[in-house]
Amino acid sequence: MKFSTQVKPISYLKSHAAEIVKDISENREPLLITQNGEAKLVVMDVKSYEEQEETLALLKILALGNREIEQGKFRNVEDVFAELDKVDH
């Protein structure tokens, strides 16, 4: 994630919560909150969060598929289609 201008201290979050909600909802850019100069949390809109969760879920499925391929747990596509043809007829 890039945080070019969207880095604010926790005191800003406390005093500008409504403005932050409006800005993040409109521009969909996350806001990095710092405490004592250290990054502590990210504030983001719900739509972006849901999209990120969907992306992570898909990546997990792909990783699982790759692991199964590495373990030899797969079938040739020709065999699968031949079996489907038998079932279909």
PDB file of N, CA and C in Angstrom:
ATOM      1  N   MET A   1       0.833  -1.178   0.000  1.00  0.00           N
ATOM      2  CA  MET A   1       0.000   0.000   0.000  1.00  0.00           C
ATOM      3  C   MET A   1       0.874   1.238   0.000  1.00  0.00           C
ATOM      4  N   LYS A   2       0.474   2.237  -0.724  1.00  0.00           N
ATOM      5  CA  LYS A   2       1.234   3.474  -0.712  1.00  0.00           C
ATOM      6  C   LYS A   2       0.545   4.498   0.182  1.00  0.00           C
ATOM      7  N   PHE A   3       1.337   5.183   0.953  1.00  0.00           N
ATOM      8  CA  PHE A   3       0.820   6.179   1.882  1.00  0.00           C
ATOM      9  C   PHE A   3       1.528   7.506   1.651  1.00  0.00           C
ATOM     10  N   SER A   4       1.436   8.031   0.438  1.00  0.00           N
ATOM     11  CA  SER A   4       2.179   9.234   0.100  1.00  0.00           C
ATOM     12  C   SER A   4       1.828  10.415   1.011  1.00  0.00           C
ATOM     13  N   THR A   5       0.557  10.752   1.124  1.00  0.00           N
ATOM     14  CA  THR A   5       0.178  11.891   1.965  1.00  0.00           C
ATOM     15  C   THR A   5      -0.807  11.481   3.050  1.00  0.00           C
ATOM     16  N   GLN A   6      -1.189  10.242   3.075  1.00  0.00           N
ATOM     17  CA  GLN A   6      -2.213   9.784   4.008  1.00  0.00           C
ATOM     18  C   GLN A   6      -1.603   9.156   5.258  1.00  0.00           C
ATOM     19  N   VAL A   7      -0.725   9.887   5.926  1.00  0.00           N
ATOM     20  CA  VAL A   7      -0.148   9.438   7.189  1.00  0.00           C
ATOM     21  C   VAL A   7      -0.433  10.515   8.220  1.00  0.00           C
ATOM     22  N   LYS A   8      -1.094  10.130   9.292  1.00  0.00           N
ATOM     23  CA  LYS A   8      -1.471  11.101  10.324  1.00  0.00           C
ATOM     24  C   LYS A   8      -1.230  10.500  11.709  1.00  0.00           C
ATOM     25  N   PRO A   9      -0.958  11.358  12.688  1.00  0.00           N
ATOM     26  CA  PRO A   9      -0.810  10.861  14.058  1.00  0.00           C
ATOM     27  C   PRO A   9      -2.169  10.531  14.670  1.00  0.00           C
ATOM     28  N   ILE A  10      -2.142   9.743  15.711  1.00  0.00           N
ATOM     29  CA  ILE A  10      -3.392   9.325  16.351  1.00  0.00           C
ATOM     30  C   ILE A  10      -4.183  10.517  16.889  1.00  0.00           C
ATOM     31  N   SER A  11      -3.500  11.576  17.278  1.00  0.00           N
ATOM     32  CA  SER A  11      -4.205  12.768  17.765  1.00  0.00           C
ATOM     33  C   SER A  11      -5.080  13.368  16.665  1.00  0.00           C
ATOM     34  N   TYR A  12      -4.635  13.287  15.412  1.00  0.00           N
ATOM     35  CA  TYR A  12      -5.435  13.776  14.288  1.00  0.00           C
ATOM     36  C   TYR A  12      -6.698  12.928  14.136  1.00  0.00           C
ATOM     37  N   LEU A  13      -6.549  11.638  14.290  1.00  0.00           N
ATOM     38  CA  LEU A  13      -7.706  10.741  14.201  1.00  0.00           C
ATOM     39  C   LEU A  13      -8.732  11.099  15.262  1.00  0.00           C
ATOM     40  N   LYS A  14      -8.257  11.343  16.466  1.00  0.00           N
ATOM     41  CA  LYS A  14      -9.166  11.663  17.568  1.00  0.00           C
ATOM     42  C   LYS A  14      -9.930  12.964  17.329  1.00  0.00           C
ATOM     43  N   SER A  15      -9.277  13.942  16.761  1.00  0.00           N
ATOM     44  CA  SER A  15      -9.919  15.251  16.620  1.00  0.00           C
ATOM     45  C   SER A  15     -10.598  15.491  15.268  1.00  0.00           C
ATOM     46  N   HIS A  16     -10.380  14.596  14.295  1.00  0.00           N
ATOM     47  CA  HIS A  16     -10.948  14.794  12.967  1.00  0.00           C
ATOM     48  C   HIS A  16     -11.668  13.550  12.441  1.00  0.00           C
ATOM     49  N   ALA A  17     -12.263  12.787  13.314  1.00  0.00           N
ATOM     50  CA  ALA A  17     -12.865  11.507  12.918  1.00  0.00           C
ATOM     51  C   ALA A  17     -13.898  11.665  11.801  1.00  0.00           C
ATOM     52  N   ALA A  18     -14.823  12.595  11.936  1.00  0.00           N
ATOM     53  CA  ALA A  18     -15.877  12.769  10.925  1.00  0.00           C
ATOM     54  C   ALA A  18     -15.273  13.159   9.571  1.00  0.00           C
ATOM     55  N   GLU A  19     -14.306  14.037   9.582  1.00  0.00           N
ATOM     56  CA  GLU A  19     -13.645  14.461   8.343  1.00  0.00           C
ATOM     57  C   GLU A  19     -12.899  13.288   7.699  1.00  0.00           C
ATOM     58  N   ILE A  20     -12.246  12.486   8.510  1.00  0.00           N
ATOM     59  CA  ILE A  20     -11.517  11.320   8.011  1.00  0.00           C
ATOM     60  C   ILE A  20     -12.472  10.337   7.352  1.00  0.00           C
ATOM     61  N   VAL A  21     -13.590  10.083   7.996  1.00  0.00           N
ATOM     62  CA  VAL A  21     -14.585   9.165   7.431  1.00  0.00           C
ATOM     63  C   VAL A  21     -15.058   9.678   6.081  1.00  0.00           C
ATOM     64  N   LYS A  22     -15.348  10.948   5.984  1.00  0.00           N
ATOM     65  CA  LYS A  22     -15.809  11.542   4.724  1.00  0.00           C
ATOM     66  C   LYS A  22     -14.733  11.415   3.644  1.00  0.00           C
ATOM     67  N   ASP A  23     -13.512  11.797   3.977  1.00  0.00           N
ATOM     68  CA  ASP A  23     -12.426  11.758   2.997  1.00  0.00           C
ATOM     69  C   ASP A  23     -12.147  10.336   2.511  1.00  0.00           C
ATOM     70  N   ILE A  24     -12.053   9.391   3.423  1.00  0.00           N
ATOM     71  CA  ILE A  24     -11.745   8.009   3.041  1.00  0.00           C
ATOM     72  C   ILE A  24     -12.893   7.413   2.232  1.00  0.00           C
ATOM     73  N   SER A  25     -14.110   7.740   2.599  1.00  0.00           N
ATOM     74  CA  SER A  25     -15.263   7.236   1.853  1.00  0.00           C
ATOM     75  C   SER A  25     -15.279   7.766   0.430  1.00  0.00           C
ATOM     76  N   GLU A  26     -14.861   8.999   0.253  1.00  0.00           N
ATOM     77  CA  GLU A  26     -14.882   9.613  -1.072  1.00  0.00           C
ATOM     78  C   GLU A  26     -13.711   9.176  -1.945  1.00  0.00           C
ATOM     79  N   ASN A  27     -12.496   9.184  -1.392  1.00  0.00           N
ATOM     80  CA  ASN A  27     -11.332   8.911  -2.239  1.00  0.00           C
ATOM     81  C   ASN A  27     -10.831   7.475  -2.146  1.00  0.00           C
ATOM     82  N   ARG A  28     -11.351   6.697  -1.210  1.00  0.00           N
ATOM     83  CA  ARG A  28     -11.035   5.282  -1.033  1.00  0.00           C
ATOM     84  C   ARG A  28      -9.539   5.017  -0.846  1.00  0.00           C
ATOM     85  N   GLU A  29      -8.817   6.000  -0.327  1.00  0.00           N
ATOM     86  CA  GLU A  29      -7.414   5.807   0.003  1.00  0.00           C
ATOM     87  C   GLU A  29      -7.295   5.547   1.495  1.00  0.00           C
ATOM     88  N   PRO A  30      -6.557   4.508   1.877  1.00  0.00           N
ATOM     89  CA  PRO A  30      -6.408   4.230   3.304  1.00  0.00           C
ATOM     90  C   PRO A  30      -5.584   5.305   4.000  1.00  0.00           C
ATOM     91  N   LEU A  31      -5.750   5.386   5.290  1.00  0.00           N
ATOM     92  CA  LEU A  31      -5.035   6.351   6.115  1.00  0.00           C
ATOM     93  C   LEU A  31      -4.206   5.580   7.125  1.00  0.00           C
ATOM     94  N   LEU A  32      -2.918   5.857   7.166  1.00  0.00           N
ATOM     95  CA  LEU A  32      -2.021   5.222   8.124  1.00  0.00           C
ATOM     96  C   LEU A  32      -1.967   6.099   9.371  1.00  0.00           C
ATOM     97  N   ILE A  33      -2.260   5.498  10.509  1.00  0.00           N
ATOM     98  CA  ILE A  33      -2.238   6.214  11.779  1.00  0.00           C
ATOM     99  C   ILE A  33      -0.972   5.828  12.537  1.00  0.00           C
ATOM    100  N   THR A  34      -0.269   6.851  13.019  1.00  0.00           N
ATOM    101  CA  THR A  34       0.947   6.612  13.782  1.00  0.00           C
ATOM    102  C   THR A  34       0.736   6.966  15.247  1.00  0.00           C
ATOM    103  N   GLN A  35       1.524   6.329  16.091  1.00  0.00           N
ATOM    104  CA  GLN A  35       1.516   6.641  17.522  1.00  0.00           C
ATOM    105  C   GLN A  35       2.974   6.648  17.960  1.00  0.00           C
ATOM    106  N   ASN A  36       3.390   7.751  18.533  1.00  0.00           N
ATOM    107  CA  ASN A  36       4.793   7.928  18.921  1.00  0.00           C
ATOM    108  C   ASN A  36       5.733   7.683  17.737  1.00  0.00           C
ATOM    109  N   GLY A  37       5.310   8.120  16.558  1.00  0.00           N
ATOM    110  CA  GLY A  37       6.134   8.008  15.368  1.00  0.00           C
ATOM    111  C   GLY A  37       6.142   6.647  14.696  1.00  0.00           C
ATOM    112  N   GLU A  38       5.431   5.688  15.245  1.00  0.00           N
ATOM    113  CA  GLU A  38       5.386   4.345  14.670  1.00  0.00           C
ATOM    114  C   GLU A  38       4.020   4.079  14.048  1.00  0.00           C
ATOM    115  N   ALA A  39       4.026   3.387  12.915  1.00  0.00           N
ATOM    116  CA  ALA A  39       2.773   2.991  12.276  1.00  0.00           C
ATOM    117  C   ALA A  39       2.040   2.026  13.198  1.00  0.00           C
ATOM    118  N   LYS A  40       0.764   2.303  13.477  1.00  0.00           N
ATOM    119  CA  LYS A  40      -0.014   1.466  14.394  1.00  0.00           C
ATOM    120  C   LYS A  40      -1.238   0.843  13.766  1.00  0.00           C
ATOM    121  N   LEU A  41      -1.909   1.554  12.850  1.00  0.00           N
ATOM    122  CA  LEU A  41      -3.101   0.984  12.229  1.00  0.00           C
ATOM    123  C   LEU A  41      -3.395   1.664  10.916  1.00  0.00           C
ATOM    124  N   VAL A  42      -4.253   1.002  10.152  1.00  0.00           N
ATOM    125  CA  VAL A  42      -4.691   1.527   8.869  1.00  0.00           C
ATOM    126  C   VAL A  42      -6.205   1.679   8.938  1.00  0.00           C
ATOM    127  N   VAL A  43      -6.688   2.823   8.522  1.00  0.00           N
ATOM    128  CA  VAL A  43      -8.124   3.083   8.448  1.00  0.00           C
ATOM    129  C   VAL A  43      -8.491   3.086   6.975  1.00  0.00           C
ATOM    130  N   MET A  44      -9.493   2.264   6.626  1.00  0.00           N
ATOM    131  CA  MET A  44      -9.904   2.187   5.223  1.00  0.00           C
ATOM    132  C   MET A  44     -11.420   2.049   5.139  1.00  0.00           C
ATOM    133  N   ASP A  45     -11.955   2.358   3.966  1.00  0.00           N
ATOM    134  CA  ASP A  45     -13.397   2.239   3.771  1.00  0.00           C
ATOM    135  C   ASP A  45     -13.789   0.768   3.647  1.00  0.00           C
ATOM    136  N   VAL A  46     -15.034   0.481   3.927  1.00  0.00           N
ATOM    137  CA  VAL A  46     -15.523  -0.896   3.948  1.00  0.00           C
ATOM    138  C   VAL A  46     -15.422  -1.552   2.579  1.00  0.00           C
ATOM    139  N   LYS A  47     -15.745  -0.838   1.525  1.00  0.00           N
ATOM    140  CA  LYS A  47     -15.688  -1.412   0.168  1.00  0.00           C
ATOM    141  C   LYS A  47     -14.268  -1.870  -0.160  1.00  0.00           C
ATOM    142  N   SER A  48     -13.288  -1.050   0.142  1.00  0.00           N
ATOM    143  CA  SER A  48     -11.892  -1.427  -0.105  1.00  0.00           C
ATOM    144  C   SER A  48     -11.498  -2.625   0.739  1.00  0.00           C
ATOM    145  N   TYR A  49     -11.944  -2.647   1.983  1.00  0.00           N
ATOM    146  CA  TYR A  49     -11.641  -3.775   2.866  1.00  0.00           C
ATOM    147  C   TYR A  49     -12.240  -5.069   2.311  1.00  0.00           C
ATOM    148  N   GLU A  50     -13.491  -5.005   1.877  1.00  0.00           N
ATOM    149  CA  GLU A  50     -14.146  -6.198   1.325  1.00  0.00           C
ATOM    150  C   GLU A  50     -13.431  -6.672   0.058  1.00  0.00           C
ATOM    151  N   GLU A  51     -13.032  -5.741  -0.803  1.00  0.00           N
ATOM    152  CA  GLU A  51     -12.303  -6.115  -2.015  1.00  0.00           C
ATOM    153  C   GLU A  51     -10.970  -6.768  -1.665  1.00  0.00           C
ATOM    154  N   GLN A  52     -10.305  -6.239  -0.662  1.00  0.00           N
ATOM    155  CA  GLN A  52      -9.031  -6.811  -0.226  1.00  0.00           C
ATOM    156  C   GLN A  52      -9.226  -8.213   0.331  1.00  0.00           C
ATOM    157  N   GLU A  53     -10.270  -8.427   1.098  1.00  0.00           N
ATOM    158  CA  GLU A  53     -10.562  -9.748   1.652  1.00  0.00           C
ATOM    159  C   GLU A  53     -10.879 -10.751   0.539  1.00  0.00           C
ATOM    160  N   GLU A  54     -11.636 -10.319  -0.475  1.00  0.00           N
ATOM    161  CA  GLU A  54     -11.941 -11.194  -1.614  1.00  0.00           C
ATOM    162  C   GLU A  54     -10.667 -11.566  -2.361  1.00  0.00           C
ATOM    163  N   THR A  55      -9.797 -10.603  -2.545  1.00  0.00           N
ATOM    164  CA  THR A  55      -8.518 -10.863  -3.221  1.00  0.00           C
ATOM    165  C   THR A  55      -7.687 -11.858  -2.426  1.00  0.00           C
ATOM    166  N   LEU A  56      -7.618 -11.682  -1.117  1.00  0.00           N
ATOM    167  CA  LEU A  56      -6.859 -12.614  -0.275  1.00  0.00           C
ATOM    168  C   LEU A  56      -7.457 -14.021  -0.338  1.00  0.00           C
ATOM    169  N   ALA A  57      -8.774 -14.115  -0.361  1.00  0.00           N
ATOM    170  CA  ALA A  57      -9.420 -15.428  -0.440  1.00  0.00           C
ATOM    171  C   ALA A  57      -9.056 -16.120  -1.752  1.00  0.00           C
ATOM    172  N   LEU A  58      -9.073 -15.375  -2.846  1.00  0.00           N
ATOM    173  CA  LEU A  58      -8.706 -15.953  -4.138  1.00  0.00           C
ATOM    174  C   LEU A  58      -7.241 -16.386  -4.156  1.00  0.00           C
ATOM    175  N   LEU A  59      -6.384 -15.583  -3.567  1.00  0.00           N
ATOM    176  CA  LEU A  59      -4.969 -15.947  -3.508  1.00  0.00           C
ATOM    177  C   LEU A  59      -4.752 -17.216  -2.681  1.00  0.00           C
ATOM    178  N   LYS A  60      -5.515 -17.362  -1.607  1.00  0.00           N
ATOM    179  CA  LYS A  60      -5.417 -18.582  -0.795  1.00  0.00           C
ATOM    180  C   LYS A  60      -5.854 -19.804  -1.598  1.00  0.00           C
ATOM    181  N   ILE A  61      -6.917 -19.659  -2.381  1.00  0.00           N
ATOM    182  CA  ILE A  61      -7.395 -20.767  -3.220  1.00  0.00           C
ATOM    183  C   ILE A  61      -6.329 -21.133  -4.251  1.00  0.00           C
ATOM    184  N   LEU A  62      -5.721 -20.130  -4.866  1.00  0.00           N
ATOM    185  CA  LEU A  62      -4.662 -20.392  -5.839  1.00  0.00           C
ATOM    186  C   LEU A  62      -3.465 -21.083  -5.187  1.00  0.00           C
ATOM    187  N   ALA A  63      -3.092 -20.636  -4.004  1.00  0.00           N
ATOM    188  CA  ALA A  63      -1.966 -21.253  -3.298  1.00  0.00           C
ATOM    189  C   ALA A  63      -2.282 -22.703  -2.955  1.00  0.00           C
ATOM    190  N   LEU A  64      -3.504 -22.964  -2.542  1.00  0.00           N
ATOM    191  CA  LEU A  64      -3.915 -24.329  -2.236  1.00  0.00           C
ATOM    192  C   LEU A  64      -3.859 -25.194  -3.495  1.00  0.00           C
ATOM    193  N   GLY A  65      -4.332 -24.669  -4.608  1.00  0.00           N
ATOM    194  CA  GLY A  65      -4.280 -25.393  -5.873  1.00  0.00           C
ATOM    195  C   GLY A  65      -2.854 -25.696  -6.287  1.00  0.00           C
ATOM    196  N   ASN A  66      -1.971 -24.717  -6.146  1.00  0.00           N
ATOM    197  CA  ASN A  66      -0.559 -24.944  -6.476  1.00  0.00           C
ATOM    198  C   ASN A  66       0.058 -26.013  -5.589  1.00  0.00           C
ATOM    199  N   ARG A  67      -0.290 -26.000  -4.321  1.00  0.00           N
ATOM    200  CA  ARG A  67       0.233 -27.004  -3.389  1.00  0.00           C
ATOM    201  C   ARG A  67      -0.239 -28.403  -3.799  1.00  0.00           C
ATOM    202  N   GLU A  68      -1.515 -28.522  -4.186  1.00  0.00           N
ATOM    203  CA  GLU A  68      -2.039 -29.818  -4.618  1.00  0.00           C
ATOM    204  C   GLU A  68      -1.355 -30.295  -5.897  1.00  0.00           C
ATOM    205  N   ILE A  69      -1.080 -29.374  -6.806  1.00  0.00           N
ATOM    206  CA  ILE A  69      -0.360 -29.746  -8.033  1.00  0.00           C
ATOM    207  C   ILE A  69       1.034 -30.251  -7.677  1.00  0.00           C
ATOM    208  N   GLU A  70       1.718 -29.544  -6.791  1.00  0.00           N
ATOM    209  CA  GLU A  70       3.055 -29.967  -6.367  1.00  0.00           C
ATOM    210  C   GLU A  70       3.032 -31.350  -5.717  1.00  0.00           C
ATOM    211  N   GLN A  71       1.933 -31.676  -5.043  1.00  0.00           N
ATOM    212  CA  GLN A  71       1.801 -32.974  -4.379  1.00  0.00           C
ATOM    213  C   GLN A  71       1.290 -34.050  -5.335  1.00  0.00           C
ATOM    214  N   GLY A  72       1.070 -33.697  -6.584  1.00  0.00           N
ATOM    215  CA  GLY A  72       0.599 -34.660  -7.571  1.00  0.00           C
ATOM    216  C   GLY A  72      -0.885 -34.946  -7.486  1.00  0.00           C
ATOM    217  N   LYS A  73      -1.634 -34.104  -6.803  1.00  0.00           N
ATOM    218  CA  LYS A  73      -3.084 -34.298  -6.646  1.00  0.00           C
ATOM    219  C   LYS A  73      -3.827 -33.557  -7.758  1.00  0.00           C
ATOM    220  N   PHE A  74      -3.701 -34.081  -8.978  1.00  0.00           N
ATOM    221  CA  PHE A  74      -4.410 -33.487 -10.105  1.00  0.00           C
ATOM    222  C   PHE A  74      -4.659 -34.563 -11.146  1.00  0.00           C
ATOM    223  N   ARG A  75      -5.536 -34.233 -12.091  1.00  0.00           N
ATOM    224  CA  ARG A  75      -5.843 -35.148 -13.193  1.00  0.00           C
ATOM    225  C   ARG A  75      -5.677 -34.408 -14.501  1.00  0.00           C
ATOM    226  N   ASN A  76      -5.314 -35.164 -15.537  1.00  0.00           N
ATOM    227  CA  ASN A  76      -5.193 -34.552 -16.857  1.00  0.00           C
ATOM    228  C   ASN A  76      -6.558 -34.092 -17.326  1.00  0.00           C
ATOM    229  N   VAL A  77      -6.579 -32.964 -18.018  1.00  0.00           N
ATOM    230  CA  VAL A  77      -7.827 -32.394 -18.490  1.00  0.00           C
ATOM    231  C   VAL A  77      -8.544 -33.344 -19.453  1.00  0.00           C
ATOM    232  N   GLU A  78      -7.777 -34.086 -20.262  1.00  0.00           N
ATOM    233  CA  GLU A  78      -8.396 -35.023 -21.191  1.00  0.00           C
ATOM    234  C   GLU A  78      -9.169 -36.097 -20.440  1.00  0.00           C
ATOM    235  N   ASP A  79      -8.610 -36.596 -19.334  1.00  0.00           N
ATOM    236  CA  ASP A  79      -9.292 -37.609 -18.528  1.00  0.00           C
ATOM    237  C   ASP A  79     -10.581 -37.064 -17.915  1.00  0.00           C
ATOM    238  N   VAL A  80     -10.523 -35.842 -17.449  1.00  0.00           N
ATOM    239  CA  VAL A  80     -11.705 -35.218 -16.828  1.00  0.00           C
ATOM    240  C   VAL A  80     -12.813 -35.058 -17.857  1.00  0.00           C
ATOM    241  N   PHE A  81     -12.462 -34.550 -19.056  1.00  0.00           N
ATOM    242  CA  PHE A  81     -13.480 -34.365 -20.093  1.00  0.00           C
ATOM    243  C   PHE A  81     -14.012 -35.687 -20.594  1.00  0.00           C
ATOM    244  N   ALA A  82     -13.171 -36.690 -20.678  1.00  0.00           N
ATOM    245  CA  ALA A  82     -13.640 -38.014 -21.108  1.00  0.00           C
ATOM    246  C   ALA A  82     -14.624 -38.559 -20.093  1.00  0.00           C
ATOM    247  N   GLU A  83     -14.358 -38.400 -18.831  1.00  0.00           N
ATOM    248  CA  GLU A  83     -15.272 -38.865 -17.784  1.00  0.00           C
ATOM    249  C   GLU A  83     -16.585 -38.090 -17.830  1.00  0.00           C
ATOM    250  N   LEU A  84     -16.506 -36.793 -18.065  1.00  0.00           N
ATOM    251  CA  LEU A  84     -17.731 -35.985 -18.165  1.00  0.00           C
ATOM    252  C   LEU A  84     -18.564 -36.407 -19.387  1.00  0.00           C
ATOM    253  N   ASP A  85     -17.908 -36.726 -20.479  1.00  0.00           N
ATOM    254  CA  ASP A  85     -18.620 -37.202 -21.665  1.00  0.00           C
ATOM    255  C   ASP A  85     -19.360 -38.497 -21.391  1.00  0.00           C
ATOM    256  N   LYS A  86     -18.727 -39.389 -20.638  1.00  0.00           N
ATOM    257  CA  LYS A  86     -19.377 -40.676 -20.288  1.00  0.00           C
ATOM    258  C   LYS A  86     -20.622 -40.433 -19.439  1.00  0.00           C
ATOM    259  N   VAL A  87     -20.502 -39.524 -18.483  1.00  0.00           N
ATOM    260  CA  VAL A  87     -21.632 -39.221 -17.595  1.00  0.00           C
ATOM    261  C   VAL A  87     -22.755 -38.559 -18.382  1.00  0.00           C
ATOM    262  N   ASP A  88     -22.388 -37.717 -19.336  1.00  0.00           N
ATOM    263  CA  ASP A  88     -23.369 -36.967 -20.124  1.00  0.00           C
ATOM    264  C   ASP A  88     -24.156 -37.858 -21.064  1.00  0.00           C
ATOM    265  N   HIS A  89     -23.579 -38.955 -21.511  1.00  0.00           N
ATOM    266  CA  HIS A  89     -24.266 -39.843 -22.470  1.00  0.00           C
ATOM    267  C   HIS A  89     -24.952 -40.931 -21.778  1.00  0.00           C
TER     268      HIS A  89
END
